Amino acid sequence: MSWLYLVLAGLFEIGWPVGLKMAQEPATRWTGIIIAIVFMGLSGFLLWLAQRSIPMGTAYAVWTGIGAAGTFLVGILYYGDPSSLARYLGVLLIIAGVITLKLAH
Protein backbone atom coordinates (compact mmCIF):
# COMPACT_ATOMS: atom_id res chain seq x y z
CA MET A 1 0.00 0.00 0.00
CA SER A 2 2.93 2.32 0.70
CA TRP A 3 4.05 2.21 -2.92
CA LEU A 4 0.55 3.17 -4.04
CA TYR A 5 0.67 6.13 -1.64
CA LEU A 6 4.06 7.07 -3.03
CA VAL A 7 2.96 6.94 -6.67
CA LEU A 8 -0.12 9.01 -5.85
CA ALA A 9 2.07 11.47 -3.93
CA GLY A 10 4.30 11.80 -6.99
CA LEU A 11 1.29 12.39 -9.25
CA PHE A 12 -0.05 15.07 -6.90
CA GLU A 13 3.45 16.56 -6.88
CA ILE A 14 2.84 17.46 -10.54
CA GLY A 15 -0.16 19.58 -9.57
CA TRP A 16 1.49 22.27 -7.53
CA PRO A 17 3.96 23.52 -10.18
CA VAL A 18 1.01 23.58 -12.60
CA GLY A 19 -0.93 25.65 -10.07
CA LEU A 20 1.99 28.04 -9.73
CA LYS A 21 2.18 28.33 -13.52
CA MET A 22 -1.54 29.10 -13.63
CA ALA A 23 -0.99 31.76 -10.96
CA GLN A 24 1.29 33.66 -13.37
CA GLU A 25 -1.79 34.83 -15.27
CA PRO A 26 -3.97 37.46 -13.55
CA ALA A 27 -7.20 35.72 -14.65
CA THR A 28 -6.26 32.45 -12.92
CA ARG A 29 -4.01 33.79 -10.14
CA TRP A 30 -6.12 32.75 -7.14
CA THR A 31 -7.30 29.51 -8.69
CA GLY A 32 -3.68 28.59 -9.39
CA ILE A 33 -2.55 29.45 -5.88
CA ILE A 34 -5.36 27.38 -4.36
CA ILE A 35 -4.56 24.44 -6.66
CA ALA A 36 -0.87 24.66 -5.73
CA ILE A 37 -1.60 24.70 -1.99
CA VAL A 38 -4.09 21.80 -2.16
CA PHE A 39 -1.77 19.65 -4.29
CA MET A 40 1.21 20.42 -2.02
CA GLY A 41 -0.79 19.31 0.99
CA LEU A 42 -2.09 16.13 -0.63
CA SER A 43 1.31 15.24 -2.01
CA GLY A 44 3.04 15.81 1.32
CA PHE A 45 0.43 13.82 3.25
CA LEU A 46 0.70 10.86 0.88
CA LEU A 47 4.51 11.02 1.06
CA TRP A 48 4.22 10.95 4.84
CA LEU A 49 2.04 7.84 4.62
CA ALA A 50 4.45 6.17 2.19
CA GLN A 51 7.43 6.80 4.44
CA ARG A 52 5.95 4.61 7.13
CA SER A 53 7.50 1.60 5.39
CA ILE A 54 9.60 2.95 2.51
CA PRO A 55 13.04 4.33 3.39
CA MET A 56 13.08 8.12 3.41
CA GLY A 57 15.75 8.54 0.73
CA THR A 58 14.05 6.12 -1.62
CA ALA A 59 10.63 7.66 -1.06
CA TYR A 60 11.91 11.19 -1.62
CA ALA A 61 13.79 10.25 -4.79
CA VAL A 62 10.79 8.44 -6.27
CA TRP A 63 8.43 11.26 -5.25
CA THR A 64 10.54 13.97 -6.82
CA GLY A 65 11.30 11.80 -9.86
CA ILE A 66 7.62 11.26 -10.63
CA GLY A 67 6.95 14.93 -10.02
CA ALA A 68 9.84 16.10 -12.18
CA ALA A 69 9.08 13.77 -15.10
CA GLY A 70 5.36 14.50 -14.95
CA THR A 71 5.84 18.25 -14.73
CA PHE A 72 8.27 18.07 -17.65
CA LEU A 73 5.64 16.33 -19.78
CA VAL A 74 2.84 18.69 -18.74
CA GLY A 75 5.08 21.65 -19.56
CA ILE A 76 5.76 20.36 -23.06
CA LEU A 77 2.21 19.22 -23.79
CA TYR A 78 0.28 22.16 -22.36
CA TYR A 79 2.62 25.11 -21.85
CA GLY A 80 4.90 25.06 -24.87
CA ASP A 81 8.07 24.28 -22.93
CA PRO A 82 11.08 23.50 -25.12
CA SER A 83 11.40 19.95 -26.37
CA SER A 84 14.65 18.33 -27.43
CA LEU A 85 16.24 14.91 -27.54
CA ALA A 86 18.61 15.86 -24.73
CA ARG A 87 15.74 16.92 -22.47
CA TYR A 88 13.88 13.65 -23.14
CA LEU A 89 17.03 11.66 -22.41
CA GLY A 90 17.44 13.53 -19.15
CA VAL A 91 13.92 12.59 -18.09
CA LEU A 92 14.51 8.99 -19.13
CA LEU A 93 17.55 8.95 -16.83
CA ILE A 94 15.37 10.20 -13.96
CA ILE A 95 12.83 7.44 -14.67
CA ALA A 96 15.61 4.84 -14.89
CA GLY A 97 16.90 5.99 -11.51
CA VAL A 98 13.45 5.70 -9.95
CA ILE A 99 13.02 2.19 -11.37
CA THR A 100 16.46 1.21 -10.07
CA LEU A 101 15.56 2.45 -6.58
CA LYS A 102 12.34 0.43 -6.64
CA LEU A 103 14.09 -2.74 -7.82
CA ALA A 104 16.93 -2.33 -5.31
CA HIS A 105 14.46 -2.03 -2.44
PDB file of N, CA and C in Angstrom:
ATOM      1  N   MET A   1       0.812  -1.184   0.000  1.00  0.00           N
ATOM      2  CA  MET A   1       0.000   0.000   0.000  1.00  0.00           C
ATOM      3  C   MET A   1       0.865   1.262   0.000  1.00  0.00           C
ATOM      4  N   SER A   2       2.038   1.164   0.630  1.00  0.00           N
ATOM      5  CA  SER A   2       2.927   2.323   0.701  1.00  0.00           C
ATOM      6  C   SER A   2       3.386   2.778  -0.680  1.00  0.00           C
ATOM      7  N   TRP A   3       3.622   1.822  -1.580  1.00  0.00           N
ATOM      8  CA  TRP A   3       4.048   2.208  -2.923  1.00  0.00           C
ATOM      9  C   TRP A   3       2.914   2.891  -3.687  1.00  0.00           C
ATOM     10  N   LEU A   4       1.695   2.483  -3.442  1.00  0.00           N
ATOM     11  CA  LEU A   4       0.555   3.172  -4.041  1.00  0.00           C
ATOM     12  C   LEU A   4       0.479   4.610  -3.522  1.00  0.00           C
ATOM     13  N   TYR A   5       0.639   4.782  -2.208  1.00  0.00           N
ATOM     14  CA  TYR A   5       0.666   6.128  -1.643  1.00  0.00           C
ATOM     15  C   TYR A   5       1.773   6.965  -2.283  1.00  0.00           C
ATOM     16  N   LEU A   6       2.925   6.337  -2.478  1.00  0.00           N
ATOM     17  CA  LEU A   6       4.055   7.067  -3.031  1.00  0.00           C
ATOM     18  C   LEU A   6       3.809   7.483  -4.482  1.00  0.00           C
ATOM     19  N   VAL A   7       3.261   6.586  -5.278  1.00  0.00           N
ATOM     20  CA  VAL A   7       2.956   6.936  -6.671  1.00  0.00           C
ATOM     21  C   VAL A   7       1.915   8.052  -6.716  1.00  0.00           C
ATOM     22  N   LEU A   8       0.889   7.948  -5.890  1.00  0.00           N
ATOM     23  CA  LEU A   8      -0.117   9.011  -5.846  1.00  0.00           C
ATOM     24  C   LEU A   8       0.494  10.330  -5.381  1.00  0.00           C
ATOM     25  N   ALA A   9       1.383  10.258  -4.398  1.00  0.00           N
ATOM     26  CA  ALA A   9       2.068  11.468  -3.932  1.00  0.00           C
ATOM     27  C   ALA A   9       2.856  12.108  -5.068  1.00  0.00           C
ATOM     28  N   GLY A  10       3.539  11.279  -5.858  1.00  0.00           N
ATOM     29  CA  GLY A  10       4.295  11.796  -6.994  1.00  0.00           C
ATOM     30  C   GLY A  10       3.394  12.426  -8.039  1.00  0.00           C
ATOM     31  N   LEU A  11       2.239  11.823  -8.276  1.00  0.00           N
ATOM     32  CA  LEU A  11       1.294  12.392  -9.245  1.00  0.00           C
ATOM     33  C   LEU A  11       0.729  13.721  -8.746  1.00  0.00           C
ATOM     34  N   PHE A  12       0.406  13.802  -7.457  1.00  0.00           N
ATOM     35  CA  PHE A  12      -0.051  15.073  -6.902  1.00  0.00           C
ATOM     36  C   PHE A  12       1.070  16.113  -6.893  1.00  0.00           C
ATOM     37  N   GLU A  13       2.296  15.656  -6.827  1.00  0.00           N
ATOM     38  CA  GLU A  13       3.452  16.556  -6.883  1.00  0.00           C
ATOM     39  C   GLU A  13       3.470  17.346  -8.192  1.00  0.00           C
ATOM     40  N   ILE A  14       2.910  16.781  -9.242  1.00  0.00           N
ATOM     41  CA  ILE A  14       2.842  17.462 -10.542  1.00  0.00           C
ATOM     42  C   ILE A  14       1.889  18.657 -10.461  1.00  0.00           C
ATOM     43  N   GLY A  15       0.884  18.568  -9.614  1.00  0.00           N
ATOM     44  CA  GLY A  15      -0.164  19.581  -9.568  1.00  0.00           C
ATOM     45  C   GLY A  15       0.265  20.938  -9.056  1.00  0.00           C
ATOM     46  N   TRP A  16       1.181  20.956  -8.090  1.00  0.00           N
ATOM     47  CA  TRP A  16       1.486  22.272  -7.534  1.00  0.00           C
ATOM     48  C   TRP A  16       2.333  23.147  -8.455  1.00  0.00           C
ATOM     49  N   PRO A  17       3.304  22.634  -9.220  1.00  0.00           N
ATOM     50  CA  PRO A  17       3.957  23.523 -10.183  1.00  0.00           C
ATOM     51  C   PRO A  17       2.987  24.017 -11.268  1.00  0.00           C
ATOM     52  N   VAL A  18       2.024  23.159 -11.625  1.00  0.00           N
ATOM     53  CA  VAL A  18       1.007  23.581 -12.597  1.00  0.00           C
ATOM     54  C   VAL A  18       0.178  24.717 -12.004  1.00  0.00           C
ATOM     55  N   GLY A  19      -0.199  24.582 -10.734  1.00  0.00           N
ATOM     56  CA  GLY A  19      -0.929  25.649 -10.068  1.00  0.00           C
ATOM     57  C   GLY A  19      -0.133  26.949 -10.028  1.00  0.00           C
ATOM     58  N   LEU A  20       1.156  26.843  -9.742  1.00  0.00           N
ATOM     59  CA  LEU A  20       1.994  28.042  -9.726  1.00  0.00           C
ATOM     60  C   LEU A  20       2.114  28.658 -11.113  1.00  0.00           C
ATOM     61  N   LYS A  21       2.150  27.817 -12.141  1.00  0.00           N
ATOM     62  CA  LYS A  21       2.177  28.329 -13.517  1.00  0.00           C
ATOM     63  C   LYS A  21       0.870  29.050 -13.835  1.00  0.00           C
ATOM     64  N   MET A  22      -0.241  28.454 -13.419  1.00  0.00           N
ATOM     65  CA  MET A  22      -1.543  29.099 -13.627  1.00  0.00           C
ATOM     66  C   MET A  22      -1.595  30.444 -12.912  1.00  0.00           C
ATOM     67  N   ALA A  23      -0.965  30.535 -11.761  1.00  0.00           N
ATOM     68  CA  ALA A  23      -0.989  31.760 -10.959  1.00  0.00           C
ATOM     69  C   ALA A  23      -0.204  32.900 -11.619  1.00  0.00           C
ATOM     70  N   GLN A  24       0.551  32.607 -12.653  1.00  0.00           N
ATOM     71  CA  GLN A  24       1.285  33.656 -13.373  1.00  0.00           C
ATOM     72  C   GLN A  24       0.347  34.566 -14.152  1.00  0.00           C
ATOM     73  N   GLU A  25      -0.812  34.057 -14.501  1.00  0.00           N
ATOM     74  CA  GLU A  25      -1.793  34.830 -15.265  1.00  0.00           C
ATOM     75  C   GLU A  25      -2.784  35.484 -14.311  1.00  0.00           C
ATOM     76  N   PRO A  26      -3.036  36.785 -14.468  1.00  0.00           N
ATOM     77  CA  PRO A  26      -3.972  37.462 -13.554  1.00  0.00           C
ATOM     78  C   PRO A  26      -5.357  36.817 -13.501  1.00  0.00           C
ATOM     79  N   ALA A  27      -5.845  36.306 -14.612  1.00  0.00           N
ATOM     80  CA  ALA A  27      -7.200  35.725 -14.647  1.00  0.00           C
ATOM     81  C   ALA A  27      -7.308  34.448 -13.820  1.00  0.00           C
ATOM     82  N   THR A  28      -6.216  33.720 -13.662  1.00  0.00           N
ATOM     83  CA  THR A  28      -6.256  32.455 -12.923  1.00  0.00           C
ATOM     84  C   THR A  28      -5.337  32.479 -11.701  1.00  0.00           C
ATOM     85  N   ARG A  29      -4.970  33.678 -11.252  1.00  0.00           N
ATOM     86  CA  ARG A  29      -4.014  33.789 -10.144  1.00  0.00           C
ATOM     87  C   ARG A  29      -4.488  33.049  -8.897  1.00  0.00           C
ATOM     88  N   TRP A  30      -5.676  33.352  -8.400  1.00  0.00           N
ATOM     89  CA  TRP A  30      -6.122  32.748  -7.142  1.00  0.00           C
ATOM     90  C   TRP A  30      -6.463  31.280  -7.300  1.00  0.00           C
ATOM     91  N   THR A  31      -7.022  30.927  -8.436  1.00  0.00           N
ATOM     92  CA  THR A  31      -7.299  29.513  -8.695  1.00  0.00           C
ATOM     93  C   THR A  31      -5.993  28.724  -8.687  1.00  0.00           C
ATOM     94  N   GLY A  32      -4.978  29.248  -9.348  1.00  0.00           N
ATOM     95  CA  GLY A  32      -3.676  28.590  -9.394  1.00  0.00           C
ATOM     96  C   GLY A  32      -3.042  28.444  -8.028  1.00  0.00           C
ATOM     97  N   ILE A  33      -3.122  29.505  -7.229  1.00  0.00           N
ATOM     98  CA  ILE A  33      -2.547  29.453  -5.878  1.00  0.00           C
ATOM     99  C   ILE A  33      -3.262  28.403  -5.038  1.00  0.00           C
ATOM    100  N   ILE A  34      -4.583  28.374  -5.123  1.00  0.00           N
ATOM    101  CA  ILE A  34      -5.355  27.381  -4.357  1.00  0.00           C
ATOM    102  C   ILE A  34      -5.012  25.969  -4.815  1.00  0.00           C
ATOM    103  N   ILE A  35      -4.935  25.761  -6.130  1.00  0.00           N
ATOM    104  CA  ILE A  35      -4.557  24.443  -6.661  1.00  0.00           C
ATOM    105  C   ILE A  35      -3.181  24.047  -6.148  1.00  0.00           C
ATOM    106  N   ALA A  36      -2.228  24.962  -6.194  1.00  0.00           N
ATOM    107  CA  ALA A  36      -0.873  24.661  -5.732  1.00  0.00           C
ATOM    108  C   ALA A  36      -0.871  24.255  -4.263  1.00  0.00           C
ATOM    109  N   ILE A  37      -1.578  24.997  -3.430  1.00  0.00           N
ATOM    110  CA  ILE A  37      -1.597  24.697  -1.993  1.00  0.00           C
ATOM    111  C   ILE A  37      -2.260  23.342  -1.719  1.00  0.00           C
ATOM    112  N   VAL A  38      -3.382  23.077  -2.371  1.00  0.00           N
ATOM    113  CA  VAL A  38      -4.087  21.800  -2.162  1.00  0.00           C
ATOM    114  C   VAL A  38      -3.214  20.629  -2.604  1.00  0.00           C
ATOM    115  N   PHE A  39      -2.599  20.757  -3.798  1.00  0.00           N
ATOM    116  CA  PHE A  39      -1.774  19.655  -4.289  1.00  0.00           C
ATOM    117  C   PHE A  39      -0.522  19.465  -3.434  1.00  0.00           C
ATOM    118  N   MET A  40       0.062  20.553  -2.935  1.00  0.00           N
ATOM    119  CA  MET A  40       1.211  20.419  -2.021  1.00  0.00           C
ATOM    120  C   MET A  40       0.809  19.634  -0.786  1.00  0.00           C
ATOM    121  N   GLY A  41      -0.334  19.997  -0.210  1.00  0.00           N
ATOM    122  CA  GLY A  41      -0.790  19.311   0.993  1.00  0.00           C
ATOM    123  C   GLY A  41      -1.071  17.835   0.759  1.00  0.00           C
ATOM    124  N   LEU A  42      -1.795  17.528  -0.311  1.00  0.00           N
ATOM    125  CA  LEU A  42      -2.094  16.125  -0.625  1.00  0.00           C
ATOM    126  C   LEU A  42      -0.817  15.336  -0.900  1.00  0.00           C
ATOM    127  N   SER A  43       0.067  15.918  -1.669  1.00  0.00           N
ATOM    128  CA  SER A  43       1.314  15.244  -2.011  1.00  0.00           C
ATOM    129  C   SER A  43       2.143  14.973  -0.756  1.00  0.00           C
ATOM    130  N   GLY A  44       2.267  15.981   0.090  1.00  0.00           N
ATOM    131  CA  GLY A  44       3.035  15.813   1.325  1.00  0.00           C
ATOM    132  C   GLY A  44       2.423  14.785   2.255  1.00  0.00           C
ATOM    133  N   PHE A  45       1.104  14.796   2.387  1.00  0.00           N
ATOM    134  CA  PHE A  45       0.429  13.825   3.248  1.00  0.00           C
ATOM    135  C   PHE A  45       0.644  12.398   2.747  1.00  0.00           C
ATOM    136  N   LEU A  46       0.501  12.200   1.437  1.00  0.00           N
ATOM    137  CA  LEU A  46       0.701  10.862   0.877  1.00  0.00           C
ATOM    138  C   LEU A  46       2.157  10.423   0.994  1.00  0.00           C
ATOM    139  N   LEU A  47       3.093  11.365   0.852  1.00  0.00           N
ATOM    140  CA  LEU A  47       4.506  11.023   1.063  1.00  0.00           C
ATOM    141  C   LEU A  47       4.731  10.596   2.508  1.00  0.00           C
ATOM    142  N   TRP A  48       4.105  11.296   3.418  1.00  0.00           N
ATOM    143  CA  TRP A  48       4.219  10.949   4.838  1.00  0.00           C
ATOM    144  C   TRP A  48       3.707   9.526   5.086  1.00  0.00           C
ATOM    145  N   LEU A  49       2.564   9.195   4.473  1.00  0.00           N
ATOM    146  CA  LEU A  49       2.039   7.835   4.616  1.00  0.00           C
ATOM    147  C   LEU A  49       2.996   6.796   4.024  1.00  0.00           C
ATOM    148  N   ALA A  50       3.545   7.107   2.863  1.00  0.00           N
ATOM    149  CA  ALA A  50       4.446   6.166   2.188  1.00  0.00           C
ATOM    150  C   ALA A  50       5.706   5.907   3.007  1.00  0.00           C
ATOM    151  N   GLN A  51       6.184   6.939   3.697  1.00  0.00           N
ATOM    152  CA  GLN A  51       7.434   6.801   4.441  1.00  0.00           C
ATOM    153  C   GLN A  51       7.301   5.961   5.701  1.00  0.00           C
ATOM    154  N   ARG A  52       6.112   5.522   5.993  1.00  0.00           N
ATOM    155  CA  ARG A  52       5.955   4.613   7.125  1.00  0.00           C
ATOM    156  C   ARG A  52       6.737   3.325   6.905  1.00  0.00           C
ATOM    157  N   SER A  53       6.804   2.862   5.637  1.00  0.00           N
ATOM    158  CA  SER A  53       7.500   1.597   5.388  1.00  0.00           C
ATOM    159  C   SER A  53       8.503   1.670   4.243  1.00  0.00           C
ATOM    160  N   ILE A  54       8.602   2.795   3.572  1.00  0.00           N
ATOM    161  CA  ILE A  54       9.601   2.955   2.509  1.00  0.00           C
ATOM    162  C   ILE A  54      10.697   3.861   3.057  1.00  0.00           C
ATOM    163  N   PRO A  55      11.961   3.486   2.883  1.00  0.00           N
ATOM    164  CA  PRO A  55      13.043   4.334   3.389  1.00  0.00           C
ATOM    165  C   PRO A  55      12.929   5.770   2.858  1.00  0.00           C
ATOM    166  N   MET A  56      13.254   6.715   3.723  1.00  0.00           N
ATOM    167  CA  MET A  56      13.082   8.123   3.409  1.00  0.00           C
ATOM    168  C   MET A  56      13.775   8.542   2.112  1.00  0.00           C
ATOM    169  N   GLY A  57      15.016   8.152   1.931  1.00  0.00           N
ATOM    170  CA  GLY A  57      15.754   8.538   0.731  1.00  0.00           C
ATOM    171  C   GLY A  57      15.137   7.985  -0.538  1.00  0.00           C
ATOM    172  N   THR A  58      14.707   6.743  -0.473  1.00  0.00           N
ATOM    173  CA  THR A  58      14.046   6.121  -1.624  1.00  0.00           C
ATOM    174  C   THR A  58      12.724   6.818  -1.917  1.00  0.00           C
ATOM    175  N   ALA A  59      11.933   7.022  -0.877  1.00  0.00           N
ATOM    176  CA  ALA A  59      10.626   7.665  -1.062  1.00  0.00           C
ATOM    177  C   ALA A  59      10.783   9.063  -1.651  1.00  0.00           C
ATOM    178  N   TYR A  60      11.727   9.823  -1.133  1.00  0.00           N
ATOM    179  CA  TYR A  60      11.912  11.188  -1.624  1.00  0.00           C
ATOM    180  C   TYR A  60      12.372  11.192  -3.075  1.00  0.00           C
ATOM    181  N   ALA A  61      13.296  10.306  -3.414  1.00  0.00           N
ATOM    182  CA  ALA A  61      13.793  10.252  -4.789  1.00  0.00           C
ATOM    183  C   ALA A  61      12.696   9.844  -5.765  1.00  0.00           C
ATOM    184  N   VAL A  62      11.892   8.871  -5.398  1.00  0.00           N
ATOM    185  CA  VAL A  62      10.793   8.438  -6.266  1.00  0.00           C
ATOM    186  C   VAL A  62       9.757   9.554  -6.388  1.00  0.00           C
ATOM    187  N   TRP A  63       9.415  10.168  -5.284  1.00  0.00           N
ATOM    188  CA  TRP A  63       8.428  11.256  -5.254  1.00  0.00           C
ATOM    189  C   TRP A  63       8.853  12.413  -6.162  1.00  0.00           C
ATOM    190  N   THR A  64      10.081  12.861  -5.986  1.00  0.00           N
ATOM    191  CA  THR A  64      10.542  13.972  -6.818  1.00  0.00           C
ATOM    192  C   THR A  64      10.736  13.541  -8.263  1.00  0.00           C
ATOM    193  N   GLY A  65      11.129  12.288  -8.489  1.00  0.00           N
ATOM    194  CA  GLY A  65      11.296  11.799  -9.862  1.00  0.00           C
ATOM    195  C   GLY A  65       9.984  11.784 -10.625  1.00  0.00           C
ATOM    196  N   ILE A  66       8.938  11.264  -9.984  1.00  0.00           N
ATOM    197  CA  ILE A  66       7.621  11.262 -10.630  1.00  0.00           C
ATOM    198  C   ILE A  66       7.167  12.693 -10.871  1.00  0.00           C
ATOM    199  N   GLY A  67       7.348  13.539  -9.879  1.00  0.00           N
ATOM    200  CA  GLY A  67       6.949  14.935 -10.022  1.00  0.00           C
ATOM    201  C   GLY A  67       7.717  15.654 -11.114  1.00  0.00           C
ATOM    202  N   ALA A  68       9.023  15.427 -11.168  1.00  0.00           N
ATOM    203  CA  ALA A  68       9.842  16.099 -12.180  1.00  0.00           C
ATOM    204  C   ALA A  68       9.502  15.621 -13.587  1.00  0.00           C
ATOM    205  N   ALA A  69       9.396  14.312 -13.770  1.00  0.00           N
ATOM    206  CA  ALA A  69       9.080  13.774 -15.096  1.00  0.00           C
ATOM    207  C   ALA A  69       7.677  14.189 -15.531  1.00  0.00           C
ATOM    208  N   GLY A  70       6.730  14.122 -14.616  1.00  0.00           N
ATOM    209  CA  GLY A  70       5.365  14.497 -14.954  1.00  0.00           C
ATOM    210  C   GLY A  70       5.229  15.978 -15.268  1.00  0.00           C
ATOM    211  N   THR A  71       5.887  16.810 -14.487  1.00  0.00           N
ATOM    212  CA  THR A  71       5.845  18.248 -14.732  1.00  0.00           C
ATOM    213  C   THR A  71       6.517  18.592 -16.051  1.00  0.00           C
ATOM    214  N   PHE A  72       7.584  17.900 -16.365  1.00  0.00           N
ATOM    215  CA  PHE A  72       8.267  18.067 -17.649  1.00  0.00           C
ATOM    216  C   PHE A  72       7.300  17.798 -18.801  1.00  0.00           C
ATOM    217  N   LEU A  73       6.582  16.683 -18.714  1.00  0.00           N
ATOM    218  CA  LEU A  73       5.639  16.335 -19.783  1.00  0.00           C
ATOM    219  C   LEU A  73       4.473  17.313 -19.873  1.00  0.00           C
ATOM    220  N   VAL A  74       3.933  17.719 -18.732  1.00  0.00           N
ATOM    221  CA  VAL A  74       2.837  18.692 -18.742  1.00  0.00           C
ATOM    222  C   VAL A  74       3.322  20.011 -19.350  1.00  0.00           C
ATOM    223  N   GLY A  75       4.528  20.420 -19.005  1.00  0.00           N
ATOM    224  CA  GLY A  75       5.078  21.650 -19.558  1.00  0.00           C
ATOM    225  C   GLY A  75       5.192  21.615 -21.069  1.00  0.00           C
ATOM    226  N   ILE A  76       5.631  20.492 -21.601  1.00  0.00           N
ATOM    227  CA  ILE A  76       5.762  20.359 -23.057  1.00  0.00           C
ATOM    228  C   ILE A  76       4.391  20.275 -23.718  1.00  0.00           C
ATOM    229  N   LEU A  77       3.505  19.453 -23.161  1.00  0.00           N
ATOM    230  CA  LEU A  77       2.211  19.217 -23.794  1.00  0.00           C
ATOM    231  C   LEU A  77       1.250  20.396 -23.701  1.00  0.00           C
ATOM    232  N   TYR A  78       1.295  21.136 -22.585  1.00  0.00           N
ATOM    233  CA  TYR A  78       0.276  22.165 -22.361  1.00  0.00           C
ATOM    234  C   TYR A  78       0.805  23.598 -22.287  1.00  0.00           C
ATOM    235  N   TYR A  79       2.101  23.767 -22.050  1.00  0.00           N
ATOM    236  CA  TYR A  79       2.621  25.113 -21.847  1.00  0.00           C
ATOM    237  C   TYR A  79       3.700  25.510 -22.850  1.00  0.00           C
ATOM    238  N   GLY A  80       3.941  24.697 -23.839  1.00  0.00           N
ATOM    239  CA  GLY A  80       4.902  25.057 -24.875  1.00  0.00           C
ATOM    240  C   GLY A  80       6.347  25.088 -24.412  1.00  0.00           C
ATOM    241  N   ASP A  81       6.668  24.338 -23.364  1.00  0.00           N
ATOM    242  CA  ASP A  81       8.065  24.275 -22.928  1.00  0.00           C
ATOM    243  C   ASP A  81       8.924  23.671 -24.030  1.00  0.00           C
ATOM    244  N   PRO A  82      10.205  24.027 -24.062  1.00  0.00           N
ATOM    245  CA  PRO A  82      11.079  23.500 -25.116  1.00  0.00           C
ATOM    246  C   PRO A  82      11.199  21.981 -25.067  1.00  0.00           C
ATOM    247  N   SER A  83      11.297  21.393 -26.227  1.00  0.00           N
ATOM    248  CA  SER A  83      11.403  19.947 -26.367  1.00  0.00           C
ATOM    249  C   SER A  83      12.638  19.637 -27.202  1.00  0.00           C
ATOM    250  N   SER A  84      13.471  18.746 -26.681  1.00  0.00           N
ATOM    251  CA  SER A  84      14.653  18.329 -27.433  1.00  0.00           C
ATOM    252  C   SER A  84      15.013  16.909 -27.022  1.00  0.00           C
ATOM    253  N   LEU A  85      15.798  16.269 -27.840  1.00  0.00           N
ATOM    254  CA  LEU A  85      16.235  14.912 -27.539  1.00  0.00           C
ATOM    255  C   LEU A  85      16.984  14.862 -26.209  1.00  0.00           C
ATOM    256  N   ALA A  86      17.831  15.842 -25.973  1.00  0.00           N
ATOM    257  CA  ALA A  86      18.611  15.864 -24.731  1.00  0.00           C
ATOM    258  C   ALA A  86      17.701  15.975 -23.505  1.00  0.00           C
ATOM    259  N   ARG A  87      16.667  16.773 -23.599  1.00  0.00           N
ATOM    260  CA  ARG A  87      15.742  16.917 -22.466  1.00  0.00           C
ATOM    261  C   ARG A  87      14.989  15.610 -22.224  1.00  0.00           C
ATOM    262  N   TYR A  88      14.560  14.944 -23.298  1.00  0.00           N
ATOM    263  CA  TYR A  88      13.883  13.649 -23.140  1.00  0.00           C
ATOM    264  C   TYR A  88      14.826  12.605 -22.551  1.00  0.00           C
ATOM    265  N   LEU A  89      16.062  12.605 -22.973  1.00  0.00           N
ATOM    266  CA  LEU A  89      17.031  11.660 -22.410  1.00  0.00           C
ATOM    267  C   LEU A  89      17.250  11.923 -20.920  1.00  0.00           C
ATOM    268  N   GLY A  90      17.291  13.193 -20.555  1.00  0.00           N
ATOM    269  CA  GLY A  90      17.437  13.529 -19.146  1.00  0.00           C
ATOM    270  C   GLY A  90      16.294  12.983 -18.314  1.00  0.00           C
ATOM    271  N   VAL A  91      15.076  13.113 -18.808  1.00  0.00           N
ATOM    272  CA  VAL A  91      13.915  12.592 -18.085  1.00  0.00           C
ATOM    273  C   VAL A  91      13.946  11.067 -18.057  1.00  0.00           C
ATOM    274  N   LEU A  92      14.385  10.450 -19.135  1.00  0.00           N
ATOM    275  CA  LEU A  92      14.514   8.987 -19.130  1.00  0.00           C
ATOM    276  C   LEU A  92      15.521   8.525 -18.078  1.00  0.00           C
ATOM    277  N   LEU A  93      16.579   9.291 -17.879  1.00  0.00           N
ATOM    278  CA  LEU A  93      17.546   8.952 -16.833  1.00  0.00           C
ATOM    279  C   LEU A  93      16.910   9.065 -15.447  1.00  0.00           C
ATOM    280  N   ILE A  94      16.078  10.072 -15.242  1.00  0.00           N
ATOM    281  CA  ILE A  94      15.371  10.197 -13.962  1.00  0.00           C
ATOM    282  C   ILE A  94      14.481   8.976 -13.746  1.00  0.00           C
ATOM    283  N   ILE A  95      13.728   8.597 -14.770  1.00  0.00           N
ATOM    284  CA  ILE A  95      12.834   7.445 -14.667  1.00  0.00           C
ATOM    285  C   ILE A  95      13.633   6.166 -14.420  1.00  0.00           C
ATOM    286  N   ALA A  96      14.759   6.015 -15.108  1.00  0.00           N
ATOM    287  CA  ALA A  96      15.611   4.839 -14.895  1.00  0.00           C
ATOM    288  C   ALA A  96      16.117   4.793 -13.454  1.00  0.00           C
ATOM    289  N   GLY A  97      16.456   5.942 -12.900  1.00  0.00           N
ATOM    290  CA  GLY A  97      16.898   5.994 -11.513  1.00  0.00           C
ATOM    291  C   GLY A  97      15.800   5.587 -10.547  1.00  0.00           C
ATOM    292  N   VAL A  98      14.591   6.059 -10.804  1.00  0.00           N
ATOM    293  CA  VAL A  98      13.448   5.700  -9.954  1.00  0.00           C
ATOM    294  C   VAL A  98      13.189   4.195 -10.012  1.00  0.00           C
ATOM    295  N   ILE A  99      13.223   3.636 -11.213  1.00  0.00           N
ATOM    296  CA  ILE A  99      13.018   2.190 -11.366  1.00  0.00           C
ATOM    297  C   ILE A  99      14.108   1.412 -10.640  1.00  0.00           C
ATOM    298  N   THR A 100      15.345   1.863 -10.747  1.00  0.00           N
ATOM    299  CA  THR A 100      16.459   1.207 -10.066  1.00  0.00           C
ATOM    300  C   THR A 100      16.254   1.227  -8.555  1.00  0.00           C
ATOM    301  N   LEU A 101      15.807   2.371  -8.023  1.00  0.00           N
ATOM    302  CA  LEU A 101      15.563   2.451  -6.578  1.00  0.00           C
ATOM    303  C   LEU A 101      14.465   1.468  -6.161  1.00  0.00           C
ATOM    304  N   LYS A 102      13.439   1.358  -6.964  1.00  0.00           N
ATOM    305  CA  LYS A 102      12.339   0.427  -6.637  1.00  0.00           C
ATOM    306  C   LYS A 102      12.836  -1.019  -6.669  1.00  0.00           C
ATOM    307  N   LEU A 103      13.600  -1.369  -7.695  1.00  0.00           N
ATOM    308  CA  LEU A 103      14.089  -2.737  -7.823  1.00  0.00           C
ATOM    309  C   LEU A 103      15.122  -3.075  -6.747  1.00  0.00           C
ATOM    310  N   ALA A 104      15.890  -2.099  -6.320  1.00  0.00           N
ATOM    311  CA  ALA A 104      16.927  -2.330  -5.313  1.00  0.00           C
ATOM    312  C   ALA A 104      16.335  -2.426  -3.915  1.00  0.00           C
ATOM    313  N   HIS A 105      15.099  -2.021  -3.753  1.00  0.00           N
ATOM    314  CA  HIS A 105      14.458  -2.031  -2.442  1.00  0.00           C
ATOM    315  C   HIS A 105      14.141  -3.437  -2.084  1.00  0.00           C
TER     316      HIS A 105
END
